[in-house]
Each structure stands twice: as C-alpha cells, then as structure tokens.
Amino acid sequence: MTDWNRVLGQDLRVEVVMVAAPTTAPPSLSEVACRLLDGLPLLEEGGGEDGLSRDCQRLEQKLDLIIDLLGARLSERLPPPEPLTLSAEGLVLPARFRPEYGACIALYPSARLPQPLVLELKDWHCVGDACGARWASADARLRDALGRWVFRLHRRALARERAASRVRAADR
C-alpha cells in the first residue's frame, strides 16, 4: 500500500468512483468552482421543504425533471467513471490518466449534472498503476470548498457502509 500523504496531505480523504478525464480546457474560475461544489447538496438532496407553497414545490419538481433530462443527454458523451481518491489537497487516479505536468483534470462531481470541475494539477507522483497530484490553485476559497465537498463525500460513504452493514446483520 502506497503512502499518498505527499499528494493528499494528512487530512480527510475519500475513495469514490467518478467521471474524470484529462483536459486541455482552462481551469474553472474559482468562483464558478466554489459555486458548483457548494451547490451540489442542493441539487442532489433537493428541497422538499414543507414550508414551500404548493406552486413552488411543483416548480422545483419540474426543474428537477429538466435537470435530469439534460443530465441524461449530456452524460452519454462522458467517459465511464473511474476509481479516485480525493482530498482537499489533491487526488490519486489510475496512471493511464496522467496528463503532462501542469495539465488539468475534468472531474464530474455529480451524476445528475454533467458540469465539469476543471482543476489544474501539480507535483505529480506515480507509483505502479496509480498517479497522484496536488491541486495547483492557491485560492483559499476553492481549497475550503474542496474540503467541504470531500467531507460530504466521506460522510455519504460512511452512511452507505452503515446501511450495508445493517442489511448484512439483518440477513444473518
């Protein structure tokens, strides 16, 4: 097992399966990246608040359907998801995705919304069939948004593990 601390740092990290691909596109603007990452919970969890009027709830349902339709159409063009390890400091991905030094990676953080998050990478470190790199952006807001996103992904993974263990326990 490789020690990826030089890439991922010492803090929280999470293993996910997500669409990711090297890209020549410029990095996402920090404000746009933060808005995307911070808006994901609203998109994925939906509203469903009791305090909304019936008309607002219907409008929200219609918007959800439109987003799902657009997402389904656009996701047909995306490559298959890959196993990644993410942290607020960087990522580890299969070595075949290693772009040239300083290149960018397009991550698609939501299966519902095929909006890429393009992040520049630096300080590559490859071992065997995996490569890791650090996020190149020094923007504190983006680093904070990445940290919050990784935390949410980690929390969701723990919830899935707990649910699976309850199912296994119930089957015994």
Protein backbone atom coordinates (compact mmCIF):
# COMPACT_ATOMS: atom_id res chain seq x y z
CA MET A 1 0.00 0.00 0.00
CA THR A 2 1.43 3.35 -1.06
CA ASP A 3 1.64 6.31 1.27
CA TRP A 4 -0.03 9.13 -0.66
CA ASN A 5 0.39 11.75 2.08
CA ARG A 6 2.71 13.86 -0.08
CA VAL A 7 -0.16 14.27 -2.56
CA LEU A 8 -3.29 14.04 -0.41
CA GLY A 9 -1.97 15.61 2.77
CA GLN A 10 -2.73 14.38 6.27
CA ASP A 11 -6.39 15.35 6.37
CA LEU A 12 -9.58 13.60 5.34
CA ARG A 13 -9.63 11.64 2.10
CA VAL A 14 -12.31 9.61 0.41
CA GLU A 15 -12.37 6.89 -2.23
CA VAL A 16 -15.01 7.47 -4.89
CA VAL A 17 -15.97 6.32 -8.35
CA MET A 18 -16.40 9.39 -10.51
CA VAL A 19 -16.07 10.52 -14.10
CA ALA A 20 -12.65 12.11 -14.55
CA ALA A 21 -10.63 12.87 -17.65
CA PRO A 22 -7.52 14.85 -18.55
CA THR A 23 -8.41 18.01 -20.41
CA THR A 24 -6.80 20.89 -22.24
CA ALA A 25 -9.59 23.19 -21.07
CA PRO A 26 -8.53 26.03 -18.79
CA PRO A 27 -9.14 25.60 -15.06
CA SER A 28 -12.57 26.58 -13.78
CA LEU A 29 -12.67 30.05 -12.30
CA SER A 30 -12.50 29.80 -8.51
CA GLU A 31 -15.90 31.48 -8.08
CA VAL A 32 -17.52 29.09 -10.56
CA ALA A 33 -15.85 26.05 -8.98
CA CYS A 34 -16.93 27.10 -5.48
CA ARG A 35 -20.50 27.72 -6.65
CA LEU A 36 -20.62 24.27 -8.28
CA LEU A 37 -19.18 22.44 -5.26
CA ASP A 38 -21.31 24.31 -2.73
CA GLY A 39 -24.44 23.92 -4.87
CA LEU A 40 -24.18 20.14 -5.19
CA PRO A 41 -26.06 19.37 -1.96
CA LEU A 42 -28.99 21.47 -3.14
CA LEU A 43 -29.06 19.63 -6.44
CA GLU A 44 -28.56 16.14 -5.06
CA GLU A 45 -30.68 16.34 -1.94
CA GLY A 46 -33.39 18.54 -3.38
CA GLY A 47 -35.60 20.84 -1.43
CA GLY A 48 -38.71 19.06 -0.29
CA GLU A 49 -39.22 21.66 2.40
CA ASP A 50 -42.64 21.69 3.98
CA GLY A 51 -42.72 25.48 4.18
CA LEU A 52 -42.77 25.91 0.41
CA SER A 53 -46.04 26.66 -1.28
CA ARG A 54 -47.54 24.01 -3.48
CA ASP A 55 -46.69 26.07 -6.57
CA CYS A 56 -43.04 26.33 -5.52
CA GLN A 57 -42.87 22.59 -4.92
CA ARG A 58 -44.32 21.91 -8.37
CA LEU A 59 -41.83 24.31 -9.95
CA GLU A 60 -38.98 22.60 -8.12
CA GLN A 61 -40.16 19.19 -9.38
CA LYS A 62 -40.29 20.49 -12.94
CA LEU A 63 -36.79 21.93 -12.66
CA ASP A 64 -35.56 18.60 -11.27
CA LEU A 65 -37.04 16.79 -14.26
CA ILE A 66 -35.40 19.23 -16.69
CA ILE A 67 -32.03 18.86 -14.96
CA ASP A 68 -32.38 15.07 -15.07
CA LEU A 69 -33.25 15.15 -18.79
CA LEU A 70 -30.34 17.44 -19.66
CA GLY A 71 -28.00 15.43 -17.46
CA ALA A 72 -29.01 12.16 -19.12
CA ARG A 73 -28.46 13.58 -22.60
CA LEU A 74 -25.09 15.15 -21.80
CA SER A 75 -23.78 12.23 -19.75
CA GLU A 76 -23.96 10.00 -22.85
CA ARG A 77 -20.83 11.80 -24.07
CA LEU A 78 -18.82 11.26 -20.89
CA PRO A 79 -16.26 8.52 -20.31
CA PRO A 80 -17.04 5.83 -17.74
CA PRO A 81 -16.45 6.57 -14.05
CA GLU A 82 -13.06 5.75 -12.53
CA PRO A 83 -11.88 4.96 -9.01
CA LEU A 84 -10.31 8.05 -7.42
CA THR A 85 -9.07 9.09 -4.02
CA LEU A 86 -9.79 12.73 -3.25
CA SER A 87 -8.73 15.13 -0.55
CA ALA A 88 -8.76 18.89 -0.13
CA GLU A 89 -5.10 18.82 -1.24
CA GLY A 90 -5.15 16.59 -4.32
CA LEU A 91 -6.18 13.31 -5.89
CA VAL A 92 -4.94 9.85 -6.81
CA LEU A 93 -6.14 8.31 -10.06
CA PRO A 94 -5.22 5.47 -12.42
CA ALA A 95 -1.80 6.08 -14.01
CA ARG A 96 -3.19 5.98 -17.55
CA PHE A 97 -4.80 9.36 -16.85
CA ARG A 98 -1.54 11.10 -16.01
CA PRO A 99 -1.59 14.23 -18.12
CA GLU A 100 1.52 16.24 -18.77
CA TYR A 101 2.90 18.25 -15.86
CA GLY A 102 0.71 21.25 -15.13
CA ALA A 103 -2.22 19.84 -17.07
CA CYS A 104 -5.81 19.93 -15.91
CA ILE A 105 -8.27 17.25 -14.93
CA ALA A 106 -12.02 17.49 -15.51
CA LEU A 107 -13.99 15.99 -12.65
CA TYR A 108 -17.73 15.50 -12.88
CA PRO A 109 -18.81 15.69 -9.23
CA SER A 110 -22.49 14.95 -9.83
CA ALA A 111 -24.05 12.13 -11.82
CA ARG A 112 -27.12 14.34 -12.20
CA LEU A 113 -25.35 17.35 -13.60
CA PRO A 114 -22.56 16.72 -16.09
CA GLN A 115 -20.91 20.05 -15.34
CA PRO A 116 -17.12 19.62 -15.25
CA LEU A 117 -15.00 20.95 -12.47
CA VAL A 118 -11.67 21.63 -14.18
CA LEU A 119 -8.75 21.78 -11.79
CA GLU A 120 -5.09 22.31 -12.54
CA LEU A 121 -2.66 19.74 -11.11
CA LYS A 122 0.97 19.96 -9.99
CA ASP A 123 3.63 17.89 -8.21
CA TRP A 124 2.89 14.55 -9.83
CA HIS A 125 3.92 11.37 -8.02
CA CYS A 126 3.43 7.99 -9.73
CA VAL A 127 3.74 4.54 -8.17
CA GLY A 128 2.80 1.41 -10.08
CA ASP A 129 -0.59 1.74 -11.69
CA ALA A 130 -1.57 4.96 -9.87
CA CYS A 131 -0.56 8.60 -10.03
CA GLY A 132 -1.32 11.39 -7.65
CA ALA A 133 -1.10 15.16 -7.96
CA ARG A 134 -1.84 18.19 -5.85
CA TRP A 135 -4.36 20.88 -6.74
CA ALA A 136 -2.42 23.80 -8.21
CA SER A 137 -4.82 26.54 -7.14
CA ALA A 138 -3.73 28.57 -4.14
CA ASP A 139 -7.19 30.16 -3.79
CA ALA A 140 -8.28 29.66 -0.16
CA ARG A 141 -11.99 29.75 -1.05
CA LEU A 142 -11.56 26.95 -3.57
CA ARG A 143 -9.48 24.90 -1.10
CA ASP A 144 -12.21 25.34 1.51
CA ALA A 145 -14.93 24.34 -0.99
CA LEU A 146 -12.91 21.25 -1.96
CA GLY A 147 -12.56 20.36 1.72
CA ARG A 148 -16.30 20.69 2.31
CA TRP A 149 -17.02 18.57 -0.78
CA VAL A 150 -14.62 15.82 0.33
CA PHE A 151 -16.23 15.90 3.79
CA ARG A 152 -19.71 15.46 2.27
CA LEU A 153 -18.47 12.60 0.06
CA HIS A 154 -16.86 10.93 3.07
CA ARG A 155 -19.99 11.34 5.18
CA ARG A 156 -22.08 9.84 2.37
CA ALA A 157 -19.67 6.88 2.03
CA LEU A 158 -19.89 6.20 5.77
CA ALA A 159 -23.69 6.30 5.62
CA ARG A 160 -23.65 3.75 2.75
CA GLU A 161 -21.29 1.48 4.74
CA ARG A 162 -23.53 1.65 7.81
CA ALA A 163 -26.62 0.88 5.75
CA ALA A 164 -24.87 -2.09 4.10
CA SER A 165 -23.71 -3.45 7.46
CA ARG A 166 -27.27 -3.17 8.83
CA VAL A 167 -28.55 -5.13 5.85
CA ARG A 168 -25.85 -7.79 6.34
CA ALA A 169 -26.70 -8.01 10.05
CA ALA A 170 -30.41 -8.36 9.27
CA ASP A 171 -29.68 -11.19 6.78
CA ARG A 172 -27.87 -13.29 9.41
